[in-house]
PDB file of all heavy atoms in Angstrom:
ATOM      1  N   ALA A   1     411.556-205.872 -67.844  1.00  0.00           N
ATOM      2  CA  ALA A   1     411.888-205.010 -66.702  1.00  0.00           C
ATOM      3  C   ALA A   1     413.384-204.730 -66.662  1.00  0.00           C
ATOM      4  O   ALA A   1     413.804-203.609 -66.371  1.00  0.00           O
ATOM      5  CB  ALA A   1     411.432-205.669 -65.397  1.00  0.00           C
ATOM      6  N   GLY A   2     414.180-205.726 -66.975  1.00  0.00           N
ATOM      7  CA  GLY A   2     415.626-205.525 -67.003  1.00  0.00           C
ATOM      8  C   GLY A   2     416.077-204.594 -68.110  1.00  0.00           C
ATOM      9  O   GLY A   2     417.039-203.843 -67.951  1.00  0.00           O
ATOM     10  N   ARG A   3     415.369-204.632 -69.245  1.00  0.00           N
ATOM     11  CA  ARG A   3     415.737-203.743 -70.355  1.00  0.00           C
ATOM     12  C   ARG A   3     415.260-202.309 -70.129  1.00  0.00           C
ATOM     13  O   ARG A   3     415.929-201.360 -70.515  1.00  0.00           O
ATOM     14  CB  ARG A   3     415.173-204.279 -71.665  1.00  0.00           C
ATOM     15  CG  ARG A   3     415.903-205.508 -72.168  1.00  0.00           C
ATOM     16  CD  ARG A   3     415.480-205.892 -73.570  1.00  0.00           C
ATOM     17  NE  ARG A   3     414.047-206.134 -73.704  1.00  0.00           N
ATOM     18  CZ  ARG A   3     413.429-207.278 -73.413  1.00  0.00           C
ATOM     19  NH1 ARG A   3     414.133-208.286 -72.930  1.00  0.00           N
ATOM     20  NH2 ARG A   3     412.134-207.410 -73.596  1.00  0.00           N
ATOM     21  N   VAL A   4     414.101-202.164 -69.508  1.00  0.00           N
ATOM     22  CA  VAL A   4     413.558-200.822 -69.269  1.00  0.00           C
ATOM     23  C   VAL A   4     414.367-200.090 -68.203  1.00  0.00           C
ATOM     24  O   VAL A   4     414.577-198.879 -68.295  1.00  0.00           O
ATOM     25  CB  VAL A   4     412.068-200.911 -68.859  1.00  0.00           C
ATOM     26  CG1 VAL A   4     411.547-199.588 -68.344  1.00  0.00           C
ATOM     27  CG2 VAL A   4     411.231-201.388 -70.031  1.00  0.00           C
ATOM     28  N   LEU A   5     414.820-200.830 -67.190  1.00  0.00           N
ATOM     29  CA  LEU A   5     415.601-200.217 -66.103  1.00  0.00           C
ATOM     30  C   LEU A   5     416.965-200.903 -65.995  1.00  0.00           C
ATOM     31  O   LEU A   5     417.209-201.686 -65.085  1.00  0.00           O
ATOM     32  CB  LEU A   5     414.833-200.333 -64.779  1.00  0.00           C
ATOM     33  CG  LEU A   5     413.522-199.547 -64.728  1.00  0.00           C
ATOM     34  CD1 LEU A   5     412.688-199.962 -63.538  1.00  0.00           C
ATOM     35  CD2 LEU A   5     413.812-198.061 -64.692  1.00  0.00           C
ATOM     36  N   PRO A   6     417.869-200.617 -66.925  1.00  0.00           N
ATOM     37  CA  PRO A   6     419.191-201.252 -66.857  1.00  0.00           C
ATOM     38  C   PRO A   6     419.924-200.819 -65.583  1.00  0.00           C
ATOM     39  O   PRO A   6     419.803-199.686 -65.143  1.00  0.00           O
ATOM     40  CB  PRO A   6     419.901-200.755 -68.115  1.00  0.00           C
ATOM     41  CG  PRO A   6     419.163-199.541 -68.537  1.00  0.00           C
ATOM     42  CD  PRO A   6     417.764-199.672 -68.019  1.00  0.00           C
ATOM     43  N   GLY A   7     420.613-201.760 -64.994  1.00  0.00           N
ATOM     44  CA  GLY A   7     421.328-201.473 -63.753  1.00  0.00           C
ATOM     45  C   GLY A   7     420.512-201.778 -62.511  1.00  0.00           C
ATOM     46  O   GLY A   7     421.049-201.787 -61.407  1.00  0.00           O
ATOM     47  N   PHE A   8     419.225-202.024 -62.670  1.00  0.00           N
ATOM     48  CA  PHE A   8     418.372-202.392 -61.542  1.00  0.00           C
ATOM     49  C   PHE A   8     418.352-203.909 -61.398  1.00  0.00           C
ATOM     50  O   PHE A   8     418.368-204.636 -62.394  1.00  0.00           O
ATOM     51  CB  PHE A   8     416.931-201.904 -61.754  1.00  0.00           C
ATOM     52  CG  PHE A   8     416.711-200.461 -61.416  1.00  0.00           C
ATOM     53  CD1 PHE A   8     417.413-199.460 -62.060  1.00  0.00           C
ATOM     54  CD2 PHE A   8     415.792-200.095 -60.454  1.00  0.00           C
ATOM     55  CE1 PHE A   8     417.214-198.127 -61.765  1.00  0.00           C
ATOM     56  CE2 PHE A   8     415.576-198.765 -60.142  1.00  0.00           C
ATOM     57  CZ  PHE A   8     416.293-197.780 -60.797  1.00  0.00           C
ATOM     58  N   ALA A   9     418.330-204.384 -60.162  1.00  0.00           N
ATOM     59  CA  ALA A   9     418.205-205.821 -59.901  1.00  0.00           C
ATOM     60  C   ALA A   9     416.730-206.204 -60.002  1.00  0.00           C
ATOM     61  O   ALA A   9     415.884-205.615 -59.338  1.00  0.00           O
ATOM     62  CB  ALA A   9     418.733-206.149 -58.503  1.00  0.00           C
ATOM     63  N   VAL A  10     416.421-207.156 -60.863  1.00  0.00           N
ATOM     64  CA  VAL A  10     415.043-207.619 -61.047  1.00  0.00           C
ATOM     65  C   VAL A  10     414.874-208.901 -60.242  1.00  0.00           C
ATOM     66  O   VAL A  10     415.659-209.836 -60.363  1.00  0.00           O
ATOM     67  CB  VAL A  10     414.732-207.877 -62.540  1.00  0.00           C
ATOM     68  CG1 VAL A  10     413.314-208.382 -62.709  1.00  0.00           C
ATOM     69  CG2 VAL A  10     414.965-206.618 -63.354  1.00  0.00           C
ATOM     70  N   GLN A  11     413.843-208.928 -59.405  1.00  0.00           N
ATOM     71  CA  GLN A  11     413.608-210.096 -58.554  1.00  0.00           C
ATOM     72  C   GLN A  11     412.134-210.478 -58.583  1.00  0.00           C
ATOM     73  O   GLN A  11     411.270-209.638 -58.773  1.00  0.00           O
ATOM     74  CB  GLN A  11     414.063-209.814 -57.125  1.00  0.00           C
ATOM     75  CG  GLN A  11     413.495-208.552 -56.531  1.00  0.00           C
ATOM     76  CD  GLN A  11     414.237-208.089 -55.293  1.00  0.00           C
ATOM     77  OE1 GLN A  11     415.313-208.555 -54.999  1.00  0.00           O
ATOM     78  NE2 GLN A  11     413.638-207.171 -54.574  1.00  0.00           N
ATOM     79  N   LEU A  12     411.877-211.768 -58.414  1.00  0.00           N
ATOM     80  CA  LEU A  12     410.516-212.296 -58.406  1.00  0.00           C
ATOM     81  C   LEU A  12     410.110-212.658 -56.986  1.00  0.00           C
ATOM     82  O   LEU A  12     410.839-213.359 -56.291  1.00  0.00           O
ATOM     83  CB  LEU A  12     410.424-213.560 -59.268  1.00  0.00           C
ATOM     84  CG  LEU A  12     410.398-213.366 -60.771  1.00  0.00           C
ATOM     85  CD1 LEU A  12     410.600-214.697 -61.473  1.00  0.00           C
ATOM     86  CD2 LEU A  12     409.090-212.749 -61.187  1.00  0.00           C
ATOM     87  N   ASP A  13     408.948-212.199 -56.571  1.00  0.00           N
ATOM     88  CA  ASP A  13     408.344-212.584 -55.291  1.00  0.00           C
ATOM     89  C   ASP A  13     407.230-213.568 -55.632  1.00  0.00           C
ATOM     90  O   ASP A  13     406.209-213.192 -56.194  1.00  0.00           O
ATOM     91  CB  ASP A  13     407.796-211.353 -54.576  1.00  0.00           C
ATOM     92  CG  ASP A  13     407.192-211.670 -53.229  1.00  0.00           C
ATOM     93  OD1 ASP A  13     406.984-212.853 -52.918  1.00  0.00           O
ATOM     94  OD2 ASP A  13     406.914-210.718 -52.476  1.00  0.00           O
ATOM     95  N   LEU A  14     407.421-214.841 -55.306  1.00  0.00           N
ATOM     96  CA  LEU A  14     406.529-215.901 -55.750  1.00  0.00           C
ATOM     97  C   LEU A  14     405.477-216.299 -54.723  1.00  0.00           C
ATOM     98  O   LEU A  14     404.842-217.343 -54.867  1.00  0.00           O
ATOM     99  CB  LEU A  14     407.360-217.136 -56.125  1.00  0.00           C
ATOM    100  CG  LEU A  14     408.439-216.892 -57.172  1.00  0.00           C
ATOM    101  CD1 LEU A  14     409.237-218.163 -57.413  1.00  0.00           C
ATOM    102  CD2 LEU A  14     407.845-216.371 -58.462  1.00  0.00           C
ATOM    103  N   ASP A  15     405.265-215.484 -53.711  1.00  0.00           N
ATOM    104  CA  ASP A  15     404.351-215.871 -52.638  1.00  0.00           C
ATOM    105  C   ASP A  15     402.906-216.062 -53.074  1.00  0.00           C
ATOM    106  O   ASP A  15     402.172-216.820 -52.442  1.00  0.00           O
ATOM    107  CB  ASP A  15     404.403-214.860 -51.495  1.00  0.00           C
ATOM    108  CG  ASP A  15     405.564-215.120 -50.567  1.00  0.00           C
ATOM    109  OD1 ASP A  15     406.151-216.211 -50.636  1.00  0.00           O
ATOM    110  OD2 ASP A  15     405.883-214.234 -49.771  1.00  0.00           O
ATOM    111  N   LEU A  16     402.468-215.402 -54.118  1.00  0.00           N
ATOM    112  CA  LEU A  16     401.074-215.536 -54.553  1.00  0.00           C
ATOM    113  C   LEU A  16     400.934-216.435 -55.774  1.00  0.00           C
ATOM    114  O   LEU A  16     399.884-216.499 -56.389  1.00  0.00           O
ATOM    115  CB  LEU A  16     400.477-214.160 -54.849  1.00  0.00           C
ATOM    116  CG  LEU A  16     400.431-213.202 -53.664  1.00  0.00           C
ATOM    117  CD1 LEU A  16     399.880-211.848 -54.093  1.00  0.00           C
ATOM    118  CD2 LEU A  16     399.581-213.784 -52.544  1.00  0.00           C
ATOM    119  N   LEU A  17     402.004-217.140 -56.106  1.00  0.00           N
ATOM    120  CA  LEU A  17     402.014-217.999 -57.279  1.00  0.00           C
ATOM    121  C   LEU A  17     401.776-219.447 -56.865  1.00  0.00           C
ATOM    122  O   LEU A  17     402.328-219.911 -55.871  1.00  0.00           O
ATOM    123  CB  LEU A  17     403.373-217.871 -57.970  1.00  0.00           C
ATOM    124  CG  LEU A  17     403.487-218.310 -59.403  1.00  0.00           C
ATOM    125  CD1 LEU A  17     402.573-217.478 -60.286  1.00  0.00           C
ATOM    126  CD2 LEU A  17     404.909-218.172 -59.871  1.00  0.00           C
ATOM    127  N   HIS A  18     400.960-220.144 -57.623  1.00  0.00           N
ATOM    128  CA  HIS A  18     400.660-221.547 -57.360  1.00  0.00           C
ATOM    129  C   HIS A  18     400.926-222.342 -58.620  1.00  0.00           C
ATOM    130  O   HIS A  18     400.734-221.842 -59.726  1.00  0.00           O
ATOM    131  CB  HIS A  18     399.189-221.713 -56.960  1.00  0.00           C
ATOM    132  CG  HIS A  18     398.801-220.864 -55.805  1.00  0.00           C
ATOM    133  ND1 HIS A  18     399.081-221.198 -54.505  1.00  0.00           N
ATOM    134  CD2 HIS A  18     398.197-219.659 -55.749  1.00  0.00           C
ATOM    135  CE1 HIS A  18     398.642-220.259 -53.703  1.00  0.00           C
ATOM    136  NE2 HIS A  18     398.102-219.300 -54.432  1.00  0.00           N
ATOM    137  N   THR A  19     401.344-223.605 -58.451  1.00  0.00           N
ATOM    138  CA  THR A  19     401.551-224.454 -59.621  1.00  0.00           C
ATOM    139  C   THR A  19     401.573-225.918 -59.213  1.00  0.00           C
ATOM    140  O   THR A  19     401.924-226.261 -58.087  1.00  0.00           O
ATOM    141  CB  THR A  19     402.846-224.105 -60.365  1.00  0.00           C
ATOM    142  OG1 THR A  19     402.875-224.824 -61.597  1.00  0.00           O
ATOM    143  CG2 THR A  19     404.072-224.449 -59.559  1.00  0.00           C
ATOM    144  N   ASP A  20     401.182-226.746 -60.158  1.00  0.00           N
ATOM    145  CA  ASP A  20     401.311-228.197 -60.030  1.00  0.00           C
ATOM    146  C   ASP A  20     402.175-228.735 -61.157  1.00  0.00           C
ATOM    147  O   ASP A  20     402.265-229.933 -61.346  1.00  0.00           O
ATOM    148  CB  ASP A  20     399.930-228.868 -60.092  1.00  0.00           C
ATOM    149  CG  ASP A  20     399.073-228.516 -58.891  1.00  0.00           C
ATOM    150  OD1 ASP A  20     399.634-228.314 -57.804  1.00  0.00           O
ATOM    151  OD2 ASP A  20     397.847-228.431 -59.058  1.00  0.00           O
ATOM    152  N   SER A  21     402.785-227.833 -61.898  1.00  0.00           N
ATOM    153  CA  SER A  21     403.510-228.204 -63.107  1.00  0.00           C
ATOM    154  C   SER A  21     405.015-228.209 -62.881  1.00  0.00           C
ATOM    155  O   SER A  21     405.632-227.157 -62.740  1.00  0.00           O
ATOM    156  CB  SER A  21     403.170-227.213 -64.224  1.00  0.00           C
ATOM    157  OG  SER A  21     404.030-227.403 -65.308  1.00  0.00           O
ATOM    158  N   PRO A  22     405.626-229.394 -62.884  1.00  0.00           N
ATOM    159  CA  PRO A  22     407.095-229.437 -62.762  1.00  0.00           C
ATOM    160  C   PRO A  22     407.787-228.768 -63.951  1.00  0.00           C
ATOM    161  O   PRO A  22     408.860-228.199 -63.800  1.00  0.00           O
ATOM    162  CB  PRO A  22     407.425-230.928 -62.709  1.00  0.00           C
ATOM    163  CG  PRO A  22     406.152-231.674 -62.693  1.00  0.00           C
ATOM    164  CD  PRO A  22     405.036-230.717 -62.926  1.00  0.00           C
ATOM    165  N   GLU A  23     407.154-228.832 -65.131  1.00  0.00           N
ATOM    166  CA  GLU A  23     407.766-228.209 -66.310  1.00  0.00           C
ATOM    167  C   GLU A  23     407.841-226.692 -66.153  1.00  0.00           C
ATOM    168  O   GLU A  23     408.835-226.070 -66.508  1.00  0.00           O
ATOM    169  CB  GLU A  23     406.967-228.539 -67.583  1.00  0.00           C
ATOM    170  CG  GLU A  23     406.887-230.000 -67.898  1.00  0.00           C
ATOM    171  CD  GLU A  23     405.700-230.673 -67.213  1.00  0.00           C
ATOM    172  OE1 GLU A  23     404.726-229.984 -66.850  1.00  0.00           O
ATOM    173  OE2 GLU A  23     405.770-231.888 -67.018  1.00  0.00           O
ATOM    174  N   ALA A  24     406.782-226.093 -65.616  1.00  0.00           N
ATOM    175  CA  ALA A  24     406.764-224.644 -65.425  1.00  0.00           C
ATOM    176  C   ALA A  24     407.803-224.234 -64.378  1.00  0.00           C
ATOM    177  O   ALA A  24     408.514-223.244 -64.562  1.00  0.00           O
ATOM    178  CB  ALA A  24     405.379-224.173 -65.005  1.00  0.00           C
ATOM    179  N   LEU A  25     407.896-224.999 -63.305  1.00  0.00           N
ATOM    180  CA  LEU A  25     408.908-224.691 -62.279  1.00  0.00           C
ATOM    181  C   LEU A  25     410.315-224.844 -62.830  1.00  0.00           C
ATOM    182  O   LEU A  25     411.194-224.041 -62.531  1.00  0.00           O
ATOM    183  CB  LEU A  25     408.722-225.595 -61.067  1.00  0.00           C
ATOM    184  CG  LEU A  25     407.553-225.247 -60.165  1.00  0.00           C
ATOM    185  CD1 LEU A  25     407.401-226.303 -59.080  1.00  0.00           C
ATOM    186  CD2 LEU A  25     407.747-223.882 -59.539  1.00  0.00           C
ATOM    187  N   ARG A  26     410.526-225.864 -63.632  1.00  0.00           N
ATOM    188  CA  ARG A  26     411.850-226.074 -64.222  1.00  0.00           C
ATOM    189  C   ARG A  26     412.207-224.915 -65.150  1.00  0.00           C
ATOM    190  O   ARG A  26     413.341-224.418 -65.122  1.00  0.00           O
ATOM    191  CB  ARG A  26     411.894-227.401 -64.972  1.00  0.00           C
ATOM    192  CG  ARG A  26     413.289-227.715 -65.507  1.00  0.00           C
ATOM    193  CD  ARG A  26     413.432-229.137 -65.991  1.00  0.00           C
ATOM    194  NE  ARG A  26     413.269-230.059 -64.868  1.00  0.00           N
ATOM    195  CZ  ARG A  26     412.244-230.910 -64.732  1.00  0.00           C
ATOM    196  NH1 ARG A  26     411.300-230.946 -65.640  1.00  0.00           N
ATOM    197  NH2 ARG A  26     412.172-231.721 -63.711  1.00  0.00           N
ATOM    198  N   ALA A  27     411.260-224.475 -65.948  1.00  0.00           N
ATOM    199  CA  ALA A  27     411.517-223.341 -66.847  1.00  0.00           C
ATOM    200  C   ALA A  27     411.848-222.089 -66.045  1.00  0.00           C
ATOM    201  O   ALA A  27     412.732-221.318 -66.420  1.00  0.00           O
ATOM    202  CB  ALA A  27     410.306-223.098 -67.746  1.00  0.00           C
ATOM    203  N   LEU A  28     411.155-221.900 -64.930  1.00  0.00           N
ATOM    204  CA  LEU A  28     411.397-220.720 -64.097  1.00  0.00           C
ATOM    205  C   LEU A  28     412.777-220.782 -63.451  1.00  0.00           C
ATOM    206  O   LEU A  28     413.522-219.799 -63.476  1.00  0.00           O
ATOM    207  CB  LEU A  28     410.311-220.616 -63.026  1.00  0.00           C
ATOM    208  CG  LEU A  28     410.265-219.351 -62.202  1.00  0.00           C
ATOM    209  CD1 LEU A  28     410.071-218.128 -63.081  1.00  0.00           C
ATOM    210  CD2 LEU A  28     409.152-219.443 -61.179  1.00  0.00           C
ATOM    211  N   THR A  29     413.153-221.928 -62.907  1.00  0.00           N
ATOM    212  CA  THR A  29     414.459-222.035 -62.252  1.00  0.00           C
ATOM    213  C   THR A  29     415.596-222.036 -63.273  1.00  0.00           C
ATOM    214  O   THR A  29     416.651-221.466 -63.018  1.00  0.00           O
ATOM    215  CB  THR A  29     414.543-223.287 -61.369  1.00  0.00           C
ATOM    216  OG1 THR A  29     414.226-224.435 -62.136  1.00  0.00           O
ATOM    217  CG2 THR A  29     413.594-223.191 -60.198  1.00  0.00           C
ATOM    218  N   ASP A  30     415.379-222.673 -64.429  1.00  0.00           N
ATOM    219  CA  ASP A  30     416.424-222.704 -65.459  1.00  0.00           C
ATOM    220  C   ASP A  30     416.660-221.341 -66.099  1.00  0.00           C
ATOM    221  O   ASP A  30     417.706-221.111 -66.695  1.00  0.00           O
ATOM    222  CB  ASP A  30     416.072-223.712 -66.554  1.00  0.00           C
ATOM    223  CG  ASP A  30     416.175-225.150 -66.078  1.00  0.00           C
ATOM    224  OD1 ASP A  30     416.707-225.377 -64.963  1.00  0.00           O
ATOM    225  OD2 ASP A  30     415.710-226.043 -66.807  1.00  0.00           O
ATOM    226  N   SER A  31     415.692-220.436 -65.975  1.00  0.00           N
ATOM    227  CA  SER A  31     415.827-219.113 -66.585  1.00  0.00           C
ATOM    228  C   SER A  31     416.883-218.265 -65.890  1.00  0.00           C
ATOM    229  O   SER A  31     417.382-217.309 -66.455  1.00  0.00           O
ATOM    230  CB  SER A  31     414.499-218.371 -66.542  1.00  0.00           C
ATOM    231  OG  SER A  31     414.215-217.953 -65.217  1.00  0.00           O
ATOM    232  N   GLY A  32     417.202-218.602 -64.644  1.00  0.00           N
ATOM    233  CA  GLY A  32     418.159-217.809 -63.892  1.00  0.00           C
ATOM    234  C   GLY A  32     417.549-216.576 -63.253  1.00  0.00           C
ATOM    235  O   GLY A  32     418.267-215.746 -62.705  1.00  0.00           O
ATOM    236  N   ALA A  33     416.222-216.448 -63.328  1.00  0.00           N
ATOM    237  CA  ALA A  33     415.558-215.296 -62.706  1.00  0.00           C
ATOM    238  C   ALA A  33     415.770-215.343 -61.198  1.00  0.00           C
ATOM    239  O   ALA A  33     415.687-216.401 -60.578  1.00  0.00           O
ATOM    240  CB  ALA A  33     414.067-215.303 -63.033  1.00  0.00           C
ATOM    241  N   ARG A  34     416.068-214.194 -60.628  1.00  0.00           N
ATOM    242  CA  ARG A  34     416.311-214.122 -59.181  1.00  0.00           C
ATOM    243  C   ARG A  34     414.975-214.146 -58.452  1.00  0.00           C
ATOM    244  O   ARG A  34     414.090-213.346 -58.725  1.00  0.00           O
ATOM    245  CB  ARG A  34     417.056-212.834 -58.857  1.00  0.00           C
ATOM    246  CG  ARG A  34     417.341-212.675 -57.392  1.00  0.00           C
ATOM    247  CD  ARG A  34     418.226-211.471 -57.128  1.00  0.00           C
ATOM    248  NE  ARG A  34     418.387-211.333 -55.699  1.00  0.00           N
ATOM    249  CZ  ARG A  34     418.280-210.203 -55.065  1.00  0.00           C
ATOM    250  NH1 ARG A  34     418.050-209.090 -55.728  1.00  0.00           N
ATOM    251  NH2 ARG A  34     418.434-210.149 -53.770  1.00  0.00           N
ATOM    252  N   THR A  35     414.834-215.078 -57.521  1.00  0.00           N
ATOM    253  CA  THR A  35     413.604-215.178 -56.737  1.00  0.00           C
ATOM    254  C   THR A  35     413.885-214.836 -55.282  1.00  0.00           C
ATOM    255  O   THR A  35     414.949-215.142 -54.762  1.00  0.00           O
ATOM    256  CB  THR A  35     412.991-216.587 -56.818  1.00  0.00           C
ATOM    257  OG1 THR A  35     413.938-217.537 -56.352  1.00  0.00           O
ATOM    258  CG2 THR A  35     412.585-216.927 -58.246  1.00  0.00           C
ATOM    259  N   LEU A  36     412.924-214.201 -54.662  1.00  0.00           N
ATOM    260  CA  LEU A  36     413.031-213.889 -53.244  1.00  0.00           C
ATOM    261  C   LEU A  36     412.679-215.127 -52.434  1.00  0.00           C
ATOM    262  O   LEU A  36     411.857-215.934 -52.849  1.00  0.00           O
ATOM    263  CB  LEU A  36     412.070-212.756 -52.878  1.00  0.00           C
ATOM    264  CG  LEU A  36     412.354-211.393 -53.501  1.00  0.00           C
ATOM    265  CD1 LEU A  36     411.251-210.420 -53.137  1.00  0.00           C
ATOM    266  CD2 LEU A  36     413.692-210.873 -53.021  1.00  0.00           C
ATOM    267  N   PRO A  37     413.272-215.290 -51.252  1.00  0.00           N
ATOM    268  CA  PRO A  37     412.873-216.409 -50.404  1.00  0.00           C
ATOM    269  C   PRO A  37     411.416-216.246 -49.991  1.00  0.00           C
ATOM    270  O   PRO A  37     410.927-215.118 -49.868  1.00  0.00           O
ATOM    271  CB  PRO A  37     413.798-216.320 -49.189  1.00  0.00           C
ATOM    272  CG  PRO A  37     414.521-215.044 -49.309  1.00  0.00           C
ATOM    273  CD  PRO A  37     414.310-214.475 -50.673  1.00  0.00           C
ATOM    274  N   PRO A  38     410.698-217.357 -49.809  1.00  0.00           N
ATOM    275  CA  PRO A  38     409.291-217.239 -49.435  1.00  0.00           C
ATOM    276  C   PRO A  38     409.121-216.555 -48.086  1.00  0.00           C
ATOM    277  O   PRO A  38     409.957-216.701 -47.202  1.00  0.00           O
ATOM    278  CB  PRO A  38     408.796-218.672 -49.368  1.00  0.00           C
ATOM    279  CG  PRO A  38     409.945-219.537 -49.661  1.00  0.00           C
ATOM    280  CD  PRO A  38     411.146-218.709 -49.934  1.00  0.00           C
ATOM    281  N   HIS A  39     408.053-215.795 -47.972  1.00  0.00           N
ATOM    282  CA  HIS A  39     407.729-215.165 -46.703  1.00  0.00           C
ATOM    283  C   HIS A  39     407.395-216.256 -45.699  1.00  0.00           C
ATOM    284  O   HIS A  39     406.818-217.273 -46.061  1.00  0.00           O
ATOM    285  CB  HIS A  39     406.545-214.206 -46.856  1.00  0.00           C
ATOM    286  CG  HIS A  39     406.860-213.033 -47.712  1.00  0.00           C
ATOM    287  ND1 HIS A  39     407.063-211.778 -47.203  1.00  0.00           N
ATOM    288  CD2 HIS A  39     407.041-212.919 -49.041  1.00  0.00           C
ATOM    289  CE1 HIS A  39     407.338-210.943 -48.191  1.00  0.00           C
ATOM    290  NE2 HIS A  39     407.327-211.615 -49.307  1.00  0.00           N
ATOM    291  N   PRO A  40     407.718-216.071 -44.439  1.00  0.00           N
ATOM    292  CA  PRO A  40     407.464-217.134 -43.464  1.00  0.00           C
ATOM    293  C   PRO A  40     405.980-217.446 -43.280  1.00  0.00           C
ATOM    294  O   PRO A  40     405.626-218.552 -42.971  1.00  0.00           O
ATOM    295  CB  PRO A  40     408.072-216.601 -42.173  1.00  0.00           C
ATOM    296  CG  PRO A  40     408.324-215.160 -42.392  1.00  0.00           C
ATOM    297  CD  PRO A  40     408.378-214.927 -43.870  1.00  0.00           C
TER     298      PRO A  40
END
């Protein structure tokens, strides 16, 4: 998405995502991907 639309801010909305895997969460946070705060 970042390569197709250079100059656009790419953000992840994780509200519908579920996980029990600390490794997957660590990979996601270590990637530096911008995440939106969870909806209330």
